[in-house]
Amino acid sequence: LKYVPGIEFRTDNQPFKNAMQGFTLKIVNMMKAER
């Protein structure tokens, strides 16, 4: 994650927000799929 171009952790930074949202969505969808 540190080497994603233009990234800054835990701030209003689009590359970080994209990655964070992607993983959060992955976990939430997994939990939903398993009810």
Full PDB file with SEQRES, HELIX, SHEET, SSBOND, CRYST1, ORIGX, SCALE, CONECT and MASTER records, all heavy atoms in Angstrom:
SEQRES   1 A   35  LEU LYS TYR VAL PRO GLY ILE GLU PHE ARG THR ASP ASN          
SEQRES   2 A   35  GLN PRO PHE LYS ASN ALA MET GLN GLY PHE THR LEU LYS          
SEQRES   3 A   35  ILE VAL ASN MET MET LYS ALA GLU ARG                          
HELIX    1 AA1 GLN A   14  ALA A   33  1                                  20    
CRYST1    1.000    1.000    1.000  90.00  90.00  90.00 P 1           1          
ORIGX1      1.000000  0.000000  0.000000        0.00000                         
ORIGX2      0.000000  1.000000  0.000000        0.00000                         
ORIGX3      0.000000  0.000000  1.000000        0.00000                         
SCALE1      1.000000  0.000000  0.000000        0.00000                         
SCALE2      0.000000  1.000000  0.000000        0.00000                         
SCALE3      0.000000  0.000000  1.000000        0.00000                         
ATOM      1  N   LEU A   1       0.828  -1.205   0.000  1.00  0.00           N  
ATOM      2  CA  LEU A   1       0.000   0.000   0.000  1.00  0.00           C  
ATOM      3  C   LEU A   1       0.867   1.261   0.000  1.00  0.00           C  
ATOM      4  O   LEU A   1       0.496   2.290  -0.579  1.00  0.00           O  
ATOM      5  CB  LEU A   1      -0.925  -0.021   1.217  1.00  0.00           C  
ATOM      6  CG  LEU A   1      -2.026   1.034   1.284  1.00  0.00           C  
ATOM      7  CD1 LEU A   1      -3.075   0.785   0.217  1.00  0.00           C  
ATOM      8  CD2 LEU A   1      -2.677   1.028   2.667  1.00  0.00           C  
ATOM      9  N   LYS A   2       2.014   1.178   0.652  1.00  0.00           N  
ATOM     10  CA  LYS A   2       2.930   2.318   0.737  1.00  0.00           C  
ATOM     11  C   LYS A   2       3.417   2.757  -0.640  1.00  0.00           C  
ATOM     12  O   LYS A   2       3.765   3.932  -0.837  1.00  0.00           O  
ATOM     13  CB  LYS A   2       4.117   1.933   1.625  1.00  0.00           C  
ATOM     14  CG  LYS A   2       5.222   2.959   1.712  1.00  0.00           C  
ATOM     15  CD  LYS A   2       6.332   2.500   2.660  1.00  0.00           C  
ATOM     16  CE  LYS A   2       7.467   3.510   2.723  1.00  0.00           C  
ATOM     17  NZ  LYS A   2       8.513   3.123   3.678  1.00  0.00           N  
ATOM     18  N   TYR A   3       3.415   1.837  -1.592  1.00  0.00           N  
ATOM     19  CA  TYR A   3       3.998   2.121  -2.903  1.00  0.00           C  
ATOM     20  C   TYR A   3       2.941   2.364  -3.980  1.00  0.00           C  
ATOM     21  O   TYR A   3       3.278   2.421  -5.168  1.00  0.00           O  
ATOM     22  CB  TYR A   3       4.941   0.980  -3.283  1.00  0.00           C  
ATOM     23  CG  TYR A   3       6.069   0.869  -2.282  1.00  0.00           C  
ATOM     24  CD1 TYR A   3       6.044  -0.095  -1.283  1.00  0.00           C  
ATOM     25  CD2 TYR A   3       7.117   1.791  -2.290  1.00  0.00           C  
ATOM     26  CE1 TYR A   3       7.049  -0.167  -0.334  1.00  0.00           C  
ATOM     27  CE2 TYR A   3       8.127   1.726  -1.343  1.00  0.00           C  
ATOM     28  CZ  TYR A   3       8.089   0.752  -0.364  1.00  0.00           C  
ATOM     29  OH  TYR A   3       9.083   0.701   0.585  1.00  0.00           O  
ATOM     30  N   VAL A   4       1.689   2.535  -3.576  1.00  0.00           N  
ATOM     31  CA  VAL A   4       0.667   2.965  -4.525  1.00  0.00           C  
ATOM     32  C   VAL A   4       0.970   4.416  -4.899  1.00  0.00           C  
ATOM     33  O   VAL A   4       1.160   5.267  -4.022  1.00  0.00           O  
ATOM     34  CB  VAL A   4      -0.739   2.858  -3.899  1.00  0.00           C  
ATOM     35  CG1 VAL A   4      -1.781   3.513  -4.798  1.00  0.00           C  
ATOM     36  CG2 VAL A   4      -1.089   1.393  -3.638  1.00  0.00           C  
ATOM     37  N   PRO A   5       1.066   4.751  -6.182  1.00  0.00           N  
ATOM     38  CA  PRO A   5       1.451   6.123  -6.584  1.00  0.00           C  
ATOM     39  C   PRO A   5       0.547   7.188  -5.964  1.00  0.00           C  
ATOM     40  O   PRO A   5      -0.681   7.080  -5.985  1.00  0.00           O  
ATOM     41  CB  PRO A   5       1.289   6.091  -8.110  1.00  0.00           C  
ATOM     42  CG  PRO A   5       1.494   4.655  -8.477  1.00  0.00           C  
ATOM     43  CD  PRO A   5       0.903   3.856  -7.357  1.00  0.00           C  
ATOM     44  N   GLY A   6       1.184   8.198  -5.372  1.00  0.00           N  
ATOM     45  CA  GLY A   6       0.476   9.350  -4.834  1.00  0.00           C  
ATOM     46  C   GLY A   6      -0.221   9.133  -3.506  1.00  0.00           C  
ATOM     47  O   GLY A   6      -0.966  10.008  -3.048  1.00  0.00           O  
ATOM     48  N   ILE A   7       0.039   8.025  -2.862  1.00  0.00           N  
ATOM     49  CA  ILE A   7      -0.731   7.703  -1.667  1.00  0.00           C  
ATOM     50  C   ILE A   7      -0.216   8.417  -0.423  1.00  0.00           C  
ATOM     51  O   ILE A   7       0.988   8.657  -0.270  1.00  0.00           O  
ATOM     52  CB  ILE A   7      -0.765   6.177  -1.422  1.00  0.00           C  
ATOM     53  CG1 ILE A   7      -1.960   5.797  -0.539  1.00  0.00           C  
ATOM     54  CG2 ILE A   7       0.548   5.693  -0.786  1.00  0.00           C  
ATOM     55  CD1 ILE A   7      -2.303   4.331  -0.584  1.00  0.00           C  
ATOM     56  N   GLU A   8      -1.120   8.777   0.463  1.00  0.00           N  
ATOM     57  CA  GLU A   8      -0.850   9.235   1.822  1.00  0.00           C  
ATOM     58  C   GLU A   8      -1.846   8.544   2.722  1.00  0.00           C  
ATOM     59  O   GLU A   8      -3.047   8.563   2.461  1.00  0.00           O  
ATOM     60  CB  GLU A   8      -1.005  10.757   1.956  1.00  0.00           C  
ATOM     61  CG  GLU A   8       0.038  11.571   1.230  1.00  0.00           C  
ATOM     62  CD  GLU A   8      -0.142  13.062   1.506  1.00  0.00           C  
ATOM     63  OE1 GLU A   8       0.134  13.508   2.641  1.00  0.00           O  
ATOM     64  OE2 GLU A   8      -0.583  13.762   0.581  1.00  0.00           O  
ATOM     65  N   PHE A   9      -1.349   7.954   3.799  1.00  0.00           N  
ATOM     66  CA  PHE A   9      -2.216   7.164   4.668  1.00  0.00           C  
ATOM     67  C   PHE A   9      -3.124   8.052   5.515  1.00  0.00           C  
ATOM     68  O   PHE A   9      -2.720   9.103   6.008  1.00  0.00           O  
ATOM     69  CB  PHE A   9      -1.382   6.294   5.615  1.00  0.00           C  
ATOM     70  CG  PHE A   9      -0.713   5.118   4.959  1.00  0.00           C  
ATOM     71  CD1 PHE A   9      -0.796   4.890   3.599  1.00  0.00           C  
ATOM     72  CD2 PHE A   9       0.017   4.211   5.723  1.00  0.00           C  
ATOM     73  CE1 PHE A   9      -0.170   3.797   2.999  1.00  0.00           C  
ATOM     74  CE2 PHE A   9       0.644   3.122   5.151  1.00  0.00           C  
ATOM     75  CZ  PHE A   9       0.552   2.912   3.787  1.00  0.00           C  
ATOM     76  N   ARG A  10      -4.353   7.598   5.682  1.00  0.00           N  
ATOM     77  CA  ARG A  10      -5.295   8.114   6.683  1.00  0.00           C  
ATOM     78  C   ARG A  10      -5.490   9.636   6.593  1.00  0.00           C  
ATOM     79  O   ARG A  10      -5.330  10.351   7.573  1.00  0.00           O  
ATOM     80  CB  ARG A  10      -4.856   7.713   8.087  1.00  0.00           C  
ATOM     81  CG  ARG A  10      -4.646   6.220   8.264  1.00  0.00           C  
ATOM     82  CD  ARG A  10      -4.180   5.872   9.655  1.00  0.00           C  
ATOM     83  NE  ARG A  10      -5.277   5.948  10.619  1.00  0.00           N  
ATOM     84  CZ  ARG A  10      -5.108   6.059  11.931  1.00  0.00           C  
ATOM     85  NH1 ARG A  10      -3.893   6.162  12.424  1.00  0.00           N  
ATOM     86  NH2 ARG A  10      -6.147   6.103  12.743  1.00  0.00           N  
ATOM     87  N   THR A  11      -5.847  10.070   5.419  1.00  0.00           N  
ATOM     88  CA  THR A  11      -6.153  11.478   5.215  1.00  0.00           C  
ATOM     89  C   THR A  11      -7.024  11.579   3.962  1.00  0.00           C  
ATOM     90  O   THR A  11      -7.352  10.560   3.340  1.00  0.00           O  
ATOM     91  CB  THR A  11      -4.873  12.316   5.089  1.00  0.00           C  
ATOM     92  OG1 THR A  11      -5.207  13.710   5.081  1.00  0.00           O  
ATOM     93  CG2 THR A  11      -4.086  11.965   3.834  1.00  0.00           C  
ATOM     94  N   ASP A  12      -7.396  12.777   3.607  1.00  0.00           N  
ATOM     95  CA  ASP A  12      -8.262  12.991   2.448  1.00  0.00           C  
ATOM     96  C   ASP A  12      -7.439  12.832   1.170  1.00  0.00           C  
ATOM     97  O   ASP A  12      -7.129  13.795   0.483  1.00  0.00           O  
ATOM     98  CB  ASP A  12      -8.898  14.379   2.536  1.00  0.00           C  
ATOM     99  CG  ASP A  12     -10.007  14.563   1.512  1.00  0.00           C  
ATOM    100  OD1 ASP A  12     -10.390  13.566   0.868  1.00  0.00           O  
ATOM    101  OD2 ASP A  12     -10.482  15.695   1.352  1.00  0.00           O  
ATOM    102  N   ASN A  13      -7.097  11.589   0.888  1.00  0.00           N  
ATOM    103  CA  ASN A  13      -6.218  11.246  -0.228  1.00  0.00           C  
ATOM    104  C   ASN A  13      -6.913  10.172  -1.055  1.00  0.00           C  
ATOM    105  O   ASN A  13      -7.235   9.093  -0.536  1.00  0.00           O  
ATOM    106  CB  ASN A  13      -4.878  10.740   0.318  1.00  0.00           C  
ATOM    107  CG  ASN A  13      -3.977  10.163  -0.755  1.00  0.00           C  
ATOM    108  OD1 ASN A  13      -4.016   8.955  -1.011  1.00  0.00           O  
ATOM    109  ND2 ASN A  13      -3.158  10.995  -1.364  1.00  0.00           N  
ATOM    110  N   GLN A  14      -7.143  10.451  -2.329  1.00  0.00           N  
ATOM    111  CA  GLN A  14      -7.970   9.560  -3.132  1.00  0.00           C  
ATOM    112  C   GLN A  14      -7.373   8.170  -3.317  1.00  0.00           C  
ATOM    113  O   GLN A  14      -8.095   7.172  -3.194  1.00  0.00           O  
ATOM    114  CB  GLN A  14      -8.275  10.195  -4.491  1.00  0.00           C  
ATOM    115  CG  GLN A  14      -9.479   9.566  -5.191  1.00  0.00           C  
ATOM    116  CD  GLN A  14     -10.753   9.670  -4.368  1.00  0.00           C  
ATOM    117  OE1 GLN A  14     -11.097  10.734  -3.848  1.00  0.00           O  
ATOM    118  NE2 GLN A  14     -11.455   8.549  -4.213  1.00  0.00           N  
ATOM    119  N   PRO A  15      -6.078   8.016  -3.605  1.00  0.00           N  
ATOM    120  CA  PRO A  15      -5.539   6.655  -3.721  1.00  0.00           C  
ATOM    121  C   PRO A  15      -5.732   5.839  -2.451  1.00  0.00           C  
ATOM    122  O   PRO A  15      -6.063   4.647  -2.517  1.00  0.00           O  
ATOM    123  CB  PRO A  15      -4.053   6.892  -4.024  1.00  0.00           C  
ATOM    124  CG  PRO A  15      -4.020   8.230  -4.690  1.00  0.00           C  
ATOM    125  CD  PRO A  15      -5.080   9.038  -4.003  1.00  0.00           C  
ATOM    126  N   PHE A  16      -5.537   6.485  -1.291  1.00  0.00           N  
ATOM    127  CA  PHE A  16      -5.739   5.749  -0.042  1.00  0.00           C  
ATOM    128  C   PHE A  16      -7.203   5.393   0.157  1.00  0.00           C  
ATOM    129  O   PHE A  16      -7.542   4.258   0.530  1.00  0.00           O  
ATOM    130  CB  PHE A  16      -5.231   6.555   1.155  1.00  0.00           C  
ATOM    131  CG  PHE A  16      -5.490   5.869   2.470  1.00  0.00           C  
ATOM    132  CD1 PHE A  16      -4.722   4.791   2.855  1.00  0.00           C  
ATOM    133  CD2 PHE A  16      -6.524   6.284   3.305  1.00  0.00           C  
ATOM    134  CE1 PHE A  16      -4.970   4.121   4.063  1.00  0.00           C  
ATOM    135  CE2 PHE A  16      -6.778   5.635   4.500  1.00  0.00           C  
ATOM    136  CZ  PHE A  16      -6.002   4.552   4.875  1.00  0.00           C  
ATOM    137  N   LYS A  17      -8.098   6.345  -0.093  1.00  0.00           N  
ATOM    138  CA  LYS A  17      -9.519   6.091   0.106  1.00  0.00           C  
ATOM    139  C   LYS A  17     -10.012   4.991  -0.831  1.00  0.00           C  
ATOM    140  O   LYS A  17     -10.844   4.152  -0.446  1.00  0.00           O  
ATOM    141  CB  LYS A  17     -10.318   7.380  -0.081  1.00  0.00           C  
ATOM    142  CG  LYS A  17     -10.073   8.409   1.017  1.00  0.00           C  
ATOM    143  CD  LYS A  17     -11.063   9.569   0.996  1.00  0.00           C  
ATOM    144  CE  LYS A  17     -10.950  10.407  -0.243  1.00  0.00           C  
ATOM    145  NZ  LYS A  17     -11.865  11.579  -0.198  1.00  0.00           N  
ATOM    146  N   ASN A  18      -9.486   4.975  -2.046  1.00  0.00           N  
ATOM    147  CA  ASN A  18      -9.877   3.920  -2.984  1.00  0.00           C  
ATOM    148  C   ASN A  18      -9.494   2.543  -2.444  1.00  0.00           C  
ATOM    149  O   ASN A  18     -10.288   1.592  -2.485  1.00  0.00           O  
ATOM    150  CB  ASN A  18      -9.224   4.147  -4.347  1.00  0.00           C  
ATOM    151  CG  ASN A  18      -9.798   5.338  -5.083  1.00  0.00           C  
ATOM    152  OD1 ASN A  18     -10.872   5.833  -4.758  1.00  0.00           O  
ATOM    153  ND2 ASN A  18      -9.073   5.818  -6.088  1.00  0.00           N  
ATOM    154  N   ALA A  19      -8.246   2.433  -1.961  1.00  0.00           N  
ATOM    155  CA  ALA A  19      -7.769   1.143  -1.453  1.00  0.00           C  
ATOM    156  C   ALA A  19      -8.517   0.745  -0.184  1.00  0.00           C  
ATOM    157  O   ALA A  19      -8.917  -0.416  -0.024  1.00  0.00           O  
ATOM    158  CB  ALA A  19      -6.268   1.212  -1.194  1.00  0.00           C  
ATOM    159  N   MET A  20      -8.702   1.701   0.714  1.00  0.00           N  
ATOM    160  CA  MET A  20      -9.396   1.421   1.976  1.00  0.00           C  
ATOM    161  C   MET A  20     -10.831   0.994   1.722  1.00  0.00           C  
ATOM    162  O   MET A  20     -11.315   0.018   2.307  1.00  0.00           O  
ATOM    163  CB  MET A  20      -9.370   2.655   2.870  1.00  0.00           C  
ATOM    164  CG  MET A  20     -10.183   2.511   4.139  1.00  0.00           C  
ATOM    165  SD  MET A  20     -10.142   4.026   5.115  1.00  0.00           S  
ATOM    166  CE  MET A  20     -11.477   3.712   6.276  1.00  0.00           C  
ATOM    167  N   GLN A  21     -11.529   1.709   0.839  1.00  0.00           N  
ATOM    168  CA  GLN A  21     -12.907   1.364   0.537  1.00  0.00           C  
ATOM    169  C   GLN A  21     -12.989  -0.010  -0.126  1.00  0.00           C  
ATOM    170  O   GLN A  21     -13.895  -0.806   0.179  1.00  0.00           O  
ATOM    171  CB  GLN A  21     -13.537   2.416  -0.373  1.00  0.00           C  
ATOM    172  CG  GLN A  21     -15.007   2.145  -0.689  1.00  0.00           C  
ATOM    173  CD  GLN A  21     -15.663   3.297  -1.426  1.00  0.00           C  
ATOM    174  OE1 GLN A  21     -14.986   4.243  -1.846  1.00  0.00           O  
ATOM    175  NE2 GLN A  21     -16.967   3.243  -1.577  1.00  0.00           N  
ATOM    176  N   GLY A  22     -12.036  -0.310  -0.975  1.00  0.00           N  
ATOM    177  CA  GLY A  22     -12.040  -1.599  -1.650  1.00  0.00           C  
ATOM    178  C   GLY A  22     -11.932  -2.756  -0.682  1.00  0.00           C  
ATOM    179  O   GLY A  22     -12.667  -3.751  -0.798  1.00  0.00           O  
ATOM    180  N   PHE A  23     -11.032  -2.641   0.301  1.00  0.00           N  
ATOM    181  CA  PHE A  23     -10.885  -3.735   1.257  1.00  0.00           C  
ATOM    182  C   PHE A  23     -12.079  -3.802   2.203  1.00  0.00           C  
ATOM    183  O   PHE A  23     -12.555  -4.897   2.532  1.00  0.00           O  
ATOM    184  CB  PHE A  23      -9.589  -3.591   2.058  1.00  0.00           C  
ATOM    185  CG  PHE A  23      -9.392  -4.714   3.039  1.00  0.00           C  
ATOM    186  CD1 PHE A  23      -9.027  -5.973   2.586  1.00  0.00           C  
ATOM    187  CD2 PHE A  23      -9.591  -4.521   4.399  1.00  0.00           C  
ATOM    188  CE1 PHE A  23      -8.863  -7.027   3.474  1.00  0.00           C  
ATOM    189  CE2 PHE A  23      -9.420  -5.569   5.298  1.00  0.00           C  
ATOM    190  CZ  PHE A  23      -9.053  -6.827   4.833  1.00  0.00           C  
ATOM    191  N   THR A  24     -12.567  -2.648   2.653  1.00  0.00           N  
ATOM    192  CA  THR A  24     -13.739  -2.641   3.530  1.00  0.00           C  
ATOM    193  C   THR A  24     -14.928  -3.298   2.841  1.00  0.00           C  
ATOM    194  O   THR A  24     -15.648  -4.115   3.434  1.00  0.00           O  
ATOM    195  CB  THR A  24     -14.090  -1.201   3.945  1.00  0.00           C  
ATOM    196  OG1 THR A  24     -12.954  -0.596   4.580  1.00  0.00           O  
ATOM    197  CG2 THR A  24     -15.270  -1.179   4.904  1.00  0.00           C  
ATOM    198  N   LEU A  25     -15.137  -2.954   1.564  1.00  0.00           N  
ATOM    199  CA  LEU A  25     -16.230  -3.539   0.790  1.00  0.00           C  
ATOM    200  C   LEU A  25     -16.029  -5.052   0.643  1.00  0.00           C  
ATOM    201  O   LEU A  25     -17.001  -5.823   0.719  1.00  0.00           O  
ATOM    202  CB  LEU A  25     -16.303  -2.876  -0.586  1.00  0.00           C  
ATOM    203  CG  LEU A  25     -17.451  -3.327  -1.502  1.00  0.00           C  
ATOM    204  CD1 LEU A  25     -18.801  -3.028  -0.872  1.00  0.00           C  
ATOM    205  CD2 LEU A  25     -17.332  -2.644  -2.864  1.00  0.00           C  
ATOM    206  N   LYS A  26     -14.778  -5.470   0.437  1.00  0.00           N  
ATOM    207  CA  LYS A  26     -14.484  -6.905   0.328  1.00  0.00           C  
ATOM    208  C   LYS A  26     -14.939  -7.643   1.585  1.00  0.00           C  
ATOM    209  O   LYS A  26     -15.596  -8.694   1.500  1.00  0.00           O  
ATOM    210  CB  LYS A  26     -12.983  -7.094   0.116  1.00  0.00           C  
ATOM    211  CG  LYS A  26     -12.498  -8.537   0.171  1.00  0.00           C  
ATOM    212  CD  LYS A  26     -12.856  -9.303  -1.068  1.00  0.00           C  
ATOM    213  CE  LYS A  26     -12.274 -10.707  -1.040  1.00  0.00           C  
ATOM    214  NZ  LYS A  26     -12.633 -11.478  -2.255  1.00  0.00           N  
ATOM    215  N   ILE A  27     -14.617  -7.114   2.752  1.00  0.00           N  
ATOM    216  CA  ILE A  27     -14.972  -7.769   4.010  1.00  0.00           C  
ATOM    217  C   ILE A  27     -16.483  -7.729   4.232  1.00  0.00           C  
ATOM    218  O   ILE A  27     -17.098  -8.739   4.608  1.00  0.00           O  
ATOM    219  CB  ILE A  27     -14.225  -7.125   5.186  1.00  0.00           C  
ATOM    220  CG1 ILE A  27     -12.712  -7.310   5.013  1.00  0.00           C  
ATOM    221  CG2 ILE A  27     -14.686  -7.713   6.510  1.00  0.00           C  
ATOM    222  CD1 ILE A  27     -12.252  -8.752   4.947  1.00  0.00           C  
ATOM    223  N   VAL A  28     -17.097  -6.580   4.016  1.00  0.00           N  
ATOM    224  CA  VAL A  28     -18.542  -6.469   4.220  1.00  0.00           C  
ATOM    225  C   VAL A  28     -19.289  -7.421   3.296  1.00  0.00           C  
ATOM    226  O   VAL A  28     -20.219  -8.130   3.720  1.00  0.00           O  
ATOM    227  CB  VAL A  28     -19.010  -5.016   4.019  1.00  0.00           C  
ATOM    228  CG1 VAL A  28     -20.539  -4.942   3.927  1.00  0.00           C  
ATOM    229  CG2 VAL A  28     -18.522  -4.132   5.163  1.00  0.00           C  
ATOM    230  N   ASN A  29     -18.901  -7.481   2.038  1.00  0.00           N  
ATOM    231  CA  ASN A  29     -19.571  -8.387   1.108  1.00  0.00           C  
ATOM    232  C   ASN A  29     -19.368  -9.849   1.491  1.00  0.00           C  
ATOM    233  O   ASN A  29     -20.264 -10.686   1.312  1.00  0.00           O  
ATOM    234  CB  ASN A  29     -19.081  -8.140  -0.320  1.00  0.00           C  
ATOM    235  CG  ASN A  29     -19.663  -6.873  -0.925  1.00  0.00           C  
ATOM    236  OD1 ASN A  29     -20.647  -6.334  -0.424  1.00  0.00           O  
ATOM    237  ND2 ASN A  29     -19.059  -6.386  -1.998  1.00  0.00           N  
ATOM    238  N   MET A  30     -18.187 -10.166   2.009  1.00  0.00           N  
ATOM    239  CA  MET A  30     -17.941 -11.535   2.465  1.00  0.00           C  
ATOM    240  C   MET A  30     -18.853 -11.881   3.634  1.00  0.00           C  
ATOM    241  O   MET A  30     -19.438 -12.973   3.691  1.00  0.00           O  
ATOM    242  CB  MET A  30     -16.471 -11.695   2.874  1.00  0.00           C  
ATOM    243  CG  MET A  30     -16.129 -13.074   3.410  1.00  0.00           C  
ATOM    244  SD  MET A  30     -14.396 -13.227   3.853  1.00  0.00           S  
ATOM    245  CE  MET A  30     -13.653 -13.227   2.232  1.00  0.00           C  
ATOM    246  N   MET A  31     -18.998 -10.950   4.564  1.00  0.00           N  
ATOM    247  CA  MET A  31     -19.877 -11.186   5.711  1.00  0.00           C  
ATOM    248  C   MET A  31     -21.332 -11.319   5.250  1.00  0.00           C  
ATOM    249  O   MET A  31     -22.077 -12.174   5.734  1.00  0.00           O  
ATOM    250  CB  MET A  31     -19.750 -10.048   6.721  1.00  0.00           C  
ATOM    251  CG  MET A  31     -18.365  -9.861   7.332  1.00  0.00           C  
ATOM    252  SD  MET A  31     -17.740 -11.311   8.209  1.00  0.00           S  
ATOM    253  CE  MET A  31     -16.540 -11.941   7.016  1.00  0.00           C  
ATOM    254  N   LYS A  32     -21.736 -10.482   4.304  1.00  0.00           N  
ATOM    255  CA  LYS A  32     -23.109 -10.568   3.783  1.00  0.00           C  
ATOM    256  C   LYS A  32     -23.338 -11.900   3.076  1.00  0.00           C  
ATOM    257  O   LYS A  32     -24.398 -12.527   3.234  1.00  0.00           O  
ATOM    258  CB  LYS A  32     -23.382  -9.410   2.828  1.00  0.00           C  
ATOM    259  CG  LYS A  32     -23.577  -8.055   3.492  1.00  0.00           C  
ATOM    260  CD  LYS A  32     -23.894  -6.986   2.443  1.00  0.00           C  
ATOM    261  CE  LYS A  32     -24.156  -5.638   3.075  1.00  0.00           C  
ATOM    262  NZ  LYS A  32     -24.469  -4.597   2.059  1.00  0.00           N  
ATOM    263  N   ALA A  33     -22.365 -12.328   2.274  1.00  0.00           N  
ATOM    264  CA  ALA A  33     -22.518 -13.581   1.537  1.00  0.00           C  
ATOM    265  C   ALA A  33     -22.690 -14.765   2.480  1.00  0.00           C  
ATOM    266  O   ALA A  33     -23.383 -15.738   2.151  1.00  0.00           O  
ATOM    267  CB  ALA A  33     -21.313 -13.798   0.619  1.00  0.00           C  
ATOM    268  N   GLU A  34     -22.071 -14.694   3.649  1.00  0.00           N  
ATOM    269  CA  GLU A  34     -22.177 -15.755   4.644  1.00  0.00           C  
ATOM    270  C   GLU A  34     -23.312 -15.503   5.633  1.00  0.00           C  
ATOM    271  O   GLU A  34     -23.475 -16.257   6.590  1.00  0.00           O  
ATOM    272  CB  GLU A  34     -20.845 -15.899   5.399  1.00  0.00           C  
ATOM    273  CG  GLU A  34     -19.669 -16.292   4.533  1.00  0.00           C  
ATOM    274  CD  GLU A  34     -19.741 -17.736   4.061  1.00  0.00           C  
ATOM    275  OE1 GLU A  34     -20.484 -18.529   4.690  1.00  0.00           O  
ATOM    276  OE2 GLU A  34     -19.071 -18.071   3.061  1.00  0.00           O  
ATOM    277  N   ARG A  35     -24.079 -14.428   5.418  1.00  0.00           N  
ATOM    278  CA  ARG A  35     -25.213 -14.052   6.261  1.00  0.00           C  
ATOM    279  C   ARG A  35     -24.791 -13.932   7.732  1.00  0.00           C  
ATOM    280  O   ARG A  35     -25.412 -14.495   8.638  1.00  0.00           O  
ATOM    281  CB  ARG A  35     -26.367 -15.044   6.109  1.00  0.00           C  
ATOM    282  CG  ARG A  35     -26.848 -15.200   4.669  1.00  0.00           C  
ATOM    283  CD  ARG A  35     -28.170 -15.929   4.580  1.00  0.00           C  
ATOM    284  NE  ARG A  35     -29.241 -15.158   5.188  1.00  0.00           N  
ATOM    285  CZ  ARG A  35     -29.883 -14.139   4.614  1.00  0.00           C  
ATOM    286  NH1 ARG A  35     -29.541 -13.751   3.381  1.00  0.00           N  
ATOM    287  NH2 ARG A  35     -30.848 -13.508   5.243  1.00  0.00           N  
TER     288      ARG A  35                                                      
MASTER        0    0    0    1    0    0    0    6  287    1    0    3          
END                                                                             
